[in-house]
Amino acid sequence: MKSSLIAAAAALLVLGATSAADAKGCIKGAVVGGVAGHYAGHHGMLGAAAGCLYGRHRAKEQEKQQQQSQVNGQGKL
């Protein structure tokens, strides 16, 4: 099972990540989603794919929040 989860995560990284910024959050999300999918009816690969997408989305949201807080913080000086 571990080898199929690792293979799925590697395939997602190769196919979906065009830069390091896109991969941020994908690996962690893929691992968590793969484990959850495995325990929820042996759908580890589907869970890994969904986890990767969610992890990337979450990382982008956090990056936007950081940029906005930096812009707002600089404007108050």
PDB file of N, CA and C in Angstrom:
ATOM      1  N   MET A   1       0.822  -1.197   0.000  1.00  0.00           N
ATOM      2  CA  MET A   1       0.000   0.000   0.000  1.00  0.00           C
ATOM      3  C   MET A   1       0.863   1.257   0.000  1.00  0.00           C
ATOM      4  N   LYS A   2       1.958   1.223   0.771  1.00  0.00           N
ATOM      5  CA  LYS A   2       2.815   2.394   0.836  1.00  0.00           C
ATOM      6  C   LYS A   2       3.405   2.726  -0.528  1.00  0.00           C
ATOM      7  N   SER A   3       3.784   1.702  -1.271  1.00  0.00           N
ATOM      8  CA  SER A   3       4.399   1.963  -2.571  1.00  0.00           C
ATOM      9  C   SER A   3       3.397   2.565  -3.552  1.00  0.00           C
ATOM     10  N   SER A   4       2.148   2.153  -3.499  1.00  0.00           N
ATOM     11  CA  SER A   4       1.155   2.739  -4.408  1.00  0.00           C
ATOM     12  C   SER A   4       0.840   4.179  -4.028  1.00  0.00           C
ATOM     13  N   LEU A   5       0.848   4.478  -2.731  1.00  0.00           N
ATOM     14  CA  LEU A   5       0.612   5.846  -2.280  1.00  0.00           C
ATOM     15  C   LEU A   5       1.772   6.748  -2.689  1.00  0.00           C
ATOM     16  N   ILE A   6       2.977   6.262  -2.556  1.00  0.00           N
ATOM     17  CA  ILE A   6       4.147   7.036  -2.955  1.00  0.00           C
ATOM     18  C   ILE A   6       4.154   7.243  -4.460  1.00  0.00           C
ATOM     19  N   ALA A   7       3.800   6.218  -5.205  1.00  0.00           N
ATOM     20  CA  ALA A   7       3.749   6.337  -6.667  1.00  0.00           C
ATOM     21  C   ALA A   7       2.689   7.344  -7.092  1.00  0.00           C
ATOM     22  N   ALA A   8       1.543   7.338  -6.424  1.00  0.00           N
ATOM     23  CA  ALA A   8       0.485   8.290  -6.759  1.00  0.00           C
ATOM     24  C   ALA A   8       0.920   9.721  -6.452  1.00  0.00           C
ATOM     25  N   ALA A   9       1.560   9.913  -5.311  1.00  0.00           N
ATOM     26  CA  ALA A   9       2.029  11.248  -4.950  1.00  0.00           C
ATOM     27  C   ALA A   9       3.098  11.731  -5.932  1.00  0.00           C
ATOM     28  N   ALA A  10       3.987  10.838  -6.331  1.00  0.00           N
ATOM     29  CA  ALA A  10       5.025  11.210  -7.290  1.00  0.00           C
ATOM     30  C   ALA A  10       4.419  11.554  -8.648  1.00  0.00           C
ATOM     31  N   ALA A  11       3.430  10.792  -9.071  1.00  0.00           N
ATOM     32  CA  ALA A  11       2.779  11.072 -10.351  1.00  0.00           C
ATOM     33  C   ALA A  11       2.068  12.417 -10.317  1.00  0.00           C
ATOM     34  N   LEU A  12       1.423  12.728  -9.210  1.00  0.00           N
ATOM     35  CA  LEU A  12       0.750  14.018  -9.078  1.00  0.00           C
ATOM     36  C   LEU A  12       1.747  15.163  -9.130  1.00  0.00           C
ATOM     37  N   LEU A  13       2.884  14.967  -8.503  1.00  0.00           N
ATOM     38  CA  LEU A  13       3.893  16.019  -8.523  1.00  0.00           C
ATOM     39  C   LEU A  13       4.442  16.241  -9.923  1.00  0.00           C
ATOM     40  N   VAL A  14       4.685  15.160 -10.636  1.00  0.00           N
ATOM     41  CA  VAL A  14       5.247  15.280 -11.980  1.00  0.00           C
ATOM     42  C   VAL A  14       4.228  15.898 -12.932  1.00  0.00           C
ATOM     43  N   LEU A  15       2.991  15.469 -12.847  1.00  0.00           N
ATOM     44  CA  LEU A  15       1.972  15.958 -13.778  1.00  0.00           C
ATOM     45  C   LEU A  15       1.434  17.329 -13.417  1.00  0.00           C
ATOM     46  N   GLY A  16       1.265  17.588 -12.135  1.00  0.00           N
ATOM     47  CA  GLY A  16       0.568  18.801 -11.733  1.00  0.00           C
ATOM     48  C   GLY A  16       1.446  19.957 -11.315  1.00  0.00           C
ATOM     49  N   ALA A  17       2.665  19.717 -10.911  1.00  0.00           N
ATOM     50  CA  ALA A  17       3.496  20.794 -10.382  1.00  0.00           C
ATOM     51  C   ALA A  17       4.404  21.357 -11.465  1.00  0.00           C
ATOM     52  N   THR A  18       4.191  22.612 -11.782  1.00  0.00           N
ATOM     53  CA  THR A  18       5.042  23.253 -12.779  1.00  0.00           C
ATOM     54  C   THR A  18       6.153  24.047 -12.127  1.00  0.00           C
ATOM     55  N   SER A  19       5.995  24.373 -10.853  1.00  0.00           N
ATOM     56  CA  SER A  19       7.042  25.075 -10.126  1.00  0.00           C
ATOM     57  C   SER A  19       6.973  24.673  -8.663  1.00  0.00           C
ATOM     58  N   ALA A  20       7.939  25.113  -7.896  1.00  0.00           N
ATOM     59  CA  ALA A  20       7.973  24.773  -6.481  1.00  0.00           C
ATOM     60  C   ALA A  20       6.784  25.379  -5.742  1.00  0.00           C
ATOM     61  N   ALA A  21       6.319  26.538  -6.174  1.00  0.00           N
ATOM     62  CA  ALA A  21       5.181  27.176  -5.515  1.00  0.00           C
ATOM     63  C   ALA A  21       3.909  26.357  -5.689  1.00  0.00           C
ATOM     64  N   ASP A  22       3.755  25.710  -6.831  1.00  0.00           N
ATOM     65  CA  ASP A  22       2.569  24.890  -7.052  1.00  0.00           C
ATOM     66  C   ASP A  22       2.600  23.629  -6.199  1.00  0.00           C
ATOM     67  N   ALA A  23       3.788  23.114  -5.904  1.00  0.00           N
ATOM     68  CA  ALA A  23       3.906  21.873  -5.145  1.00  0.00           C
ATOM     69  C   ALA A  23       3.747  22.105  -3.653  1.00  0.00           C
ATOM     70  N   LYS A  24       3.822  23.360  -3.215  1.00  0.00           N
ATOM     71  CA  LYS A  24       3.711  23.649  -1.798  1.00  0.00           C
ATOM     72  C   LYS A  24       2.338  23.204  -1.293  1.00  0.00           C
ATOM     73  N   GLY A  25       2.322  22.347  -0.324  1.00  0.00           N
ATOM     74  CA  GLY A  25       1.077  21.854   0.240  1.00  0.00           C
ATOM     75  C   GLY A  25       0.584  20.579  -0.409  1.00  0.00           C
ATOM     76  N   CYS A  26       1.058  20.255  -1.592  1.00  0.00           N
ATOM     77  CA  CYS A  26       0.566  19.082  -2.314  1.00  0.00           C
ATOM     78  C   CYS A  26       0.992  17.787  -1.638  1.00  0.00           C
ATOM     79  N   ILE A  27       2.235  17.704  -1.240  1.00  0.00           N
ATOM     80  CA  ILE A  27       2.728  16.446  -0.667  1.00  0.00           C
ATOM     81  C   ILE A  27       2.029  16.145   0.651  1.00  0.00           C
ATOM     82  N   LYS A  28       1.953  17.147   1.518  1.00  0.00           N
ATOM     83  CA  LYS A  28       1.291  16.953   2.803  1.00  0.00           C
ATOM     84  C   LYS A  28      -0.183  16.588   2.604  1.00  0.00           C
ATOM     85  N   GLY A  29      -0.847  17.284   1.705  1.00  0.00           N
ATOM     86  CA  GLY A  29      -2.256  16.997   1.429  1.00  0.00           C
ATOM     87  C   GLY A  29      -2.454  15.625   0.819  1.00  0.00           C
ATOM     88  N   ALA A  30      -1.521  15.207  -0.055  1.00  0.00           N
ATOM     89  CA  ALA A  30      -1.629  13.901  -0.687  1.00  0.00           C
ATOM     90  C   ALA A  30      -1.466  12.779   0.331  1.00  0.00           C
ATOM     91  N   VAL A  31      -0.547  12.955   1.259  1.00  0.00           N
ATOM     92  CA  VAL A  31      -0.340  11.927   2.286  1.00  0.00           C
ATOM     93  C   VAL A  31      -1.571  11.813   3.171  1.00  0.00           C
ATOM     94  N   VAL A  32      -2.060  12.944   3.662  1.00  0.00           N
ATOM     95  CA  VAL A  32      -3.237  12.925   4.535  1.00  0.00           C
ATOM     96  C   VAL A  32      -4.457  12.399   3.785  1.00  0.00           C
ATOM     97  N   GLY A  33      -4.662  12.866   2.561  1.00  0.00           N
ATOM     98  CA  GLY A  33      -5.807  12.409   1.772  1.00  0.00           C
ATOM     99  C   GLY A  33      -5.709  10.942   1.400  1.00  0.00           C
ATOM    100  N   GLY A  34      -4.504  10.469   1.123  1.00  0.00           N
ATOM    101  CA  GLY A  34      -4.316   9.054   0.789  1.00  0.00           C
ATOM    102  C   GLY A  34      -4.636   8.147   1.956  1.00  0.00           C
ATOM    103  N   VAL A  35      -4.196   8.534   3.126  1.00  0.00           N
ATOM    104  CA  VAL A  35      -4.487   7.731   4.328  1.00  0.00           C
ATOM    105  C   VAL A  35      -5.983   7.745   4.614  1.00  0.00           C
ATOM    106  N   ALA A  36      -6.587   8.932   4.548  1.00  0.00           N
ATOM    107  CA  ALA A  36      -8.035   9.035   4.796  1.00  0.00           C
ATOM    108  C   ALA A  36      -8.818   8.239   3.766  1.00  0.00           C
ATOM    109  N   GLY A  37      -8.423   8.322   2.498  1.00  0.00           N
ATOM    110  CA  GLY A  37      -9.111   7.576   1.452  1.00  0.00           C
ATOM    111  C   GLY A  37      -8.961   6.078   1.611  1.00  0.00           C
ATOM    112  N   HIS A  38      -7.798   5.652   2.073  1.00  0.00           N
ATOM    113  CA  HIS A  38      -7.568   4.223   2.289  1.00  0.00           C
ATOM    114  C   HIS A  38      -8.508   3.685   3.359  1.00  0.00           C
ATOM    115  N   TYR A  39      -8.647   4.418   4.443  1.00  0.00           N
ATOM    116  CA  TYR A  39      -9.511   3.960   5.527  1.00  0.00           C
ATOM    117  C   TYR A  39     -10.993   4.157   5.218  1.00  0.00           C
ATOM    118  N   ALA A  40     -11.309   4.978   4.251  1.00  0.00           N
ATOM    119  CA  ALA A  40     -12.710   5.226   3.899  1.00  0.00           C
ATOM    120  C   ALA A  40     -13.081   4.459   2.638  1.00  0.00           C
ATOM    121  N   GLY A  41     -12.779   3.203   2.593  1.00  0.00           N
ATOM    122  CA  GLY A  41     -13.227   2.370   1.494  1.00  0.00           C
ATOM    123  C   GLY A  41     -12.167   2.052   0.460  1.00  0.00           C
ATOM    124  N   HIS A  42     -10.909   2.053   0.844  1.00  0.00           N
ATOM    125  CA  HIS A  42      -9.805   1.685  -0.050  1.00  0.00           C
ATOM    126  C   HIS A  42      -9.741   2.561  -1.303  1.00  0.00           C
ATOM    127  N   HIS A  43      -9.870   3.854  -1.100  1.00  0.00           N
ATOM    128  CA  HIS A  43      -9.765   4.817  -2.192  1.00  0.00           C
ATOM    129  C   HIS A  43      -8.571   5.731  -1.938  1.00  0.00           C
ATOM    130  N   GLY A  44      -7.417   5.131  -1.706  1.00  0.00           N
ATOM    131  CA  GLY A  44      -6.220   5.884  -1.353  1.00  0.00           C
ATOM    132  C   GLY A  44      -5.757   6.827  -2.443  1.00  0.00           C
ATOM    133  N   MET A  45      -5.777   6.381  -3.673  1.00  0.00           N
ATOM    134  CA  MET A  45      -5.291   7.236  -4.765  1.00  0.00           C
ATOM    135  C   MET A  45      -6.228   8.414  -5.004  1.00  0.00           C
ATOM    136  N   LEU A  46      -7.515   8.166  -4.926  1.00  0.00           N
ATOM    137  CA  LEU A  46      -8.480   9.253  -5.076  1.00  0.00           C
ATOM    138  C   LEU A  46      -8.315  10.260  -3.937  1.00  0.00           C
ATOM    139  N   GLY A  47      -8.122   9.750  -2.739  1.00  0.00           N
ATOM    140  CA  GLY A  47      -7.888  10.627  -1.593  1.00  0.00           C
ATOM    141  C   GLY A  47      -6.609  11.422  -1.726  1.00  0.00           C
ATOM    142  N   ALA A  48      -5.558  10.794  -2.254  1.00  0.00           N
ATOM    143  CA  ALA A  48      -4.286  11.495  -2.451  1.00  0.00           C
ATOM    144  C   ALA A  48      -4.437  12.618  -3.471  1.00  0.00           C
ATOM    145  N   ALA A  49      -5.155  12.367  -4.545  1.00  0.00           N
ATOM    146  CA  ALA A  49      -5.365  13.398  -5.564  1.00  0.00           C
ATOM    147  C   ALA A  49      -6.169  14.563  -4.985  1.00  0.00           C
ATOM    148  N   ALA A  50      -7.225  14.258  -4.263  1.00  0.00           N
ATOM    149  CA  ALA A  50      -8.042  15.307  -3.661  1.00  0.00           C
ATOM    150  C   ALA A  50      -7.252  16.073  -2.604  1.00  0.00           C
ATOM    151  N   GLY A  51      -6.465  15.354  -1.820  1.00  0.00           N
ATOM    152  CA  GLY A  51      -5.645  15.996  -0.800  1.00  0.00           C
ATOM    153  C   GLY A  51      -4.603  16.919  -1.400  1.00  0.00           C
ATOM    154  N   CYS A  52      -4.027  16.515  -2.512  1.00  0.00           N
ATOM    155  CA  CYS A  52      -3.042  17.354  -3.196  1.00  0.00           C
ATOM    156  C   CYS A  52      -3.689  18.646  -3.678  1.00  0.00           C
ATOM    157  N   LEU A  53      -4.843  18.540  -4.281  1.00  0.00           N
ATOM    158  CA  LEU A  53      -5.547  19.735  -4.769  1.00  0.00           C
ATOM    159  C   LEU A  53      -5.916  20.669  -3.623  1.00  0.00           C
ATOM    160  N   TYR A  54      -6.403  20.088  -2.533  1.00  0.00           N
ATOM    161  CA  TYR A  54      -6.771  20.912  -1.386  1.00  0.00           C
ATOM    162  C   TYR A  54      -5.534  21.560  -0.761  1.00  0.00           C
ATOM    163  N   GLY A  55      -4.452  20.813  -0.676  1.00  0.00           N
ATOM    164  CA  GLY A  55      -3.224  21.353  -0.103  1.00  0.00           C
ATOM    165  C   GLY A  55      -2.676  22.517  -0.913  1.00  0.00           C
ATOM    166  N   ARG A  56      -2.722  22.396  -2.234  1.00  0.00           N
ATOM    167  CA  ARG A  56      -2.270  23.486  -3.102  1.00  0.00           C
ATOM    168  C   ARG A  56      -3.170  24.711  -2.933  1.00  0.00           C
ATOM    169  N   HIS A  57      -4.474  24.475  -2.868  1.00  0.00           N
ATOM    170  CA  HIS A  57      -5.429  25.575  -2.689  1.00  0.00           C
ATOM    171  C   HIS A  57      -5.167  26.295  -1.368  1.00  0.00           C
ATOM    172  N   ARG A  58      -4.983  25.524  -0.323  1.00  0.00           N
ATOM    173  CA  ARG A  58      -4.755  26.095   1.013  1.00  0.00           C
ATOM    174  C   ARG A  58      -3.452  26.897   1.056  1.00  0.00           C
ATOM    175  N   ALA A  59      -2.398  26.384   0.426  1.00  0.00           N
ATOM    176  CA  ALA A  59      -1.117  27.087   0.401  1.00  0.00           C
ATOM    177  C   ALA A  59      -1.227  28.408  -0.349  1.00  0.00           C
ATOM    178  N   LYS A  60      -1.983  28.417  -1.443  1.00  0.00           N
ATOM    179  CA  LYS A  60      -2.169  29.665  -2.198  1.00  0.00           C
ATOM    180  C   LYS A  60      -2.959  30.689  -1.379  1.00  0.00           C
ATOM    181  N   GLU A  61      -3.964  30.229  -0.652  1.00  0.00           N
ATOM    182  CA  GLU A  61      -4.757  31.128   0.188  1.00  0.00           C
ATOM    183  C   GLU A  61      -3.880  31.743   1.279  1.00  0.00           C
ATOM    184  N   GLN A  62      -3.036  30.939   1.901  1.00  0.00           N
ATOM    185  CA  GLN A  62      -2.157  31.453   2.942  1.00  0.00           C
ATOM    186  C   GLN A  62      -1.150  32.446   2.370  1.00  0.00           C
ATOM    187  N   GLU A  63      -0.660  32.180   1.178  1.00  0.00           N
ATOM    188  CA  GLU A  63       0.287  33.092   0.534  1.00  0.00           C
ATOM    189  C   GLU A  63      -0.372  34.441   0.243  1.00  0.00           C
ATOM    190  N   LYS A  64      -1.622  34.405  -0.224  1.00  0.00           N
ATOM    191  CA  LYS A  64      -2.348  35.652  -0.477  1.00  0.00           C
ATOM    192  C   LYS A  64      -2.538  36.452   0.810  1.00  0.00           C
ATOM    193  N   GLN A  65      -2.875  35.758   1.900  1.00  0.00           N
ATOM    194  CA  GLN A  65      -3.067  36.432   3.175  1.00  0.00           C
ATOM    195  C   GLN A  65      -1.769  37.067   3.664  1.00  0.00           C
ATOM    196  N   GLN A  66      -0.660  36.369   3.474  1.00  0.00           N
ATOM    197  CA  GLN A  66       0.629  36.923   3.876  1.00  0.00           C
ATOM    198  C   GLN A  66       0.959  38.169   3.074  1.00  0.00           C
ATOM    199  N   GLN A  67       0.727  38.120   1.781  1.00  0.00           N
ATOM    200  CA  GLN A  67       1.021  39.274   0.932  1.00  0.00           C
ATOM    201  C   GLN A  67       0.160  40.466   1.312  1.00  0.00           C
ATOM    202  N   GLN A  68      -1.117  40.228   1.603  1.00  0.00           N
ATOM    203  CA  GLN A  68      -2.000  41.323   1.975  1.00  0.00           C
ATOM    204  C   GLN A  68      -1.622  41.907   3.332  1.00  0.00           C
ATOM    205  N   SER A  69      -1.202  41.061   4.258  1.00  0.00           N
ATOM    206  CA  SER A  69      -0.806  41.582   5.566  1.00  0.00           C
ATOM    207  C   SER A  69       0.489  42.380   5.462  1.00  0.00           C
ATOM    208  N   GLN A  70       1.381  41.999   4.556  1.00  0.00           N
ATOM    209  CA  GLN A  70       2.610  42.760   4.356  1.00  0.00           C
ATOM    210  C   GLN A  70       2.296  44.112   3.725  1.00  0.00           C
ATOM    211  N   VAL A  71       1.383  44.132   2.766  1.00  0.00           N
ATOM    212  CA  VAL A  71       1.008  45.378   2.115  1.00  0.00           C
ATOM    213  C   VAL A  71       0.310  46.291   3.111  1.00  0.00           C
ATOM    214  N   ASN A  72      -0.606  45.760   3.897  1.00  0.00           N
ATOM    215  CA  ASN A  72      -1.320  46.556   4.883  1.00  0.00           C
ATOM    216  C   ASN A  72      -0.379  47.044   5.986  1.00  0.00           C
ATOM    217  N   GLY A  73       0.562  46.227   6.378  1.00  0.00           N
ATOM    218  CA  GLY A  73       1.518  46.603   7.410  1.00  0.00           C
ATOM    219  C   GLY A  73       2.451  47.707   6.939  1.00  0.00           C
ATOM    220  N   GLN A  74       2.848  47.698   5.673  1.00  0.00           N
ATOM    221  CA  GLN A  74       3.752  48.720   5.148  1.00  0.00           C
ATOM    222  C   GLN A  74       3.017  50.053   4.980  1.00  0.00           C
ATOM    223  N   GLY A  75       1.749  50.021   4.689  1.00  0.00           N
ATOM    224  CA  GLY A  75       0.994  51.246   4.483  1.00  0.00           C
ATOM    225  C   GLY A  75       0.773  52.035   5.762  1.00  0.00           C
ATOM    226  N   LYS A  76       0.872  51.396   6.915  1.00  0.00           N
ATOM    227  CA  LYS A  76       0.629  52.058   8.195  1.00  0.00           C
ATOM    228  C   LYS A  76       1.863  52.770   8.722  1.00  0.00           C
ATOM    229  N   LEU A  77       3.000  52.531   8.149  1.00  0.00           N
ATOM    230  CA  LEU A  77       4.220  53.189   8.625  1.00  0.00           C
ATOM    231  C   LEU A  77       4.146  54.609   8.269  1.00  0.00           C
TER     232      LEU A  77
END
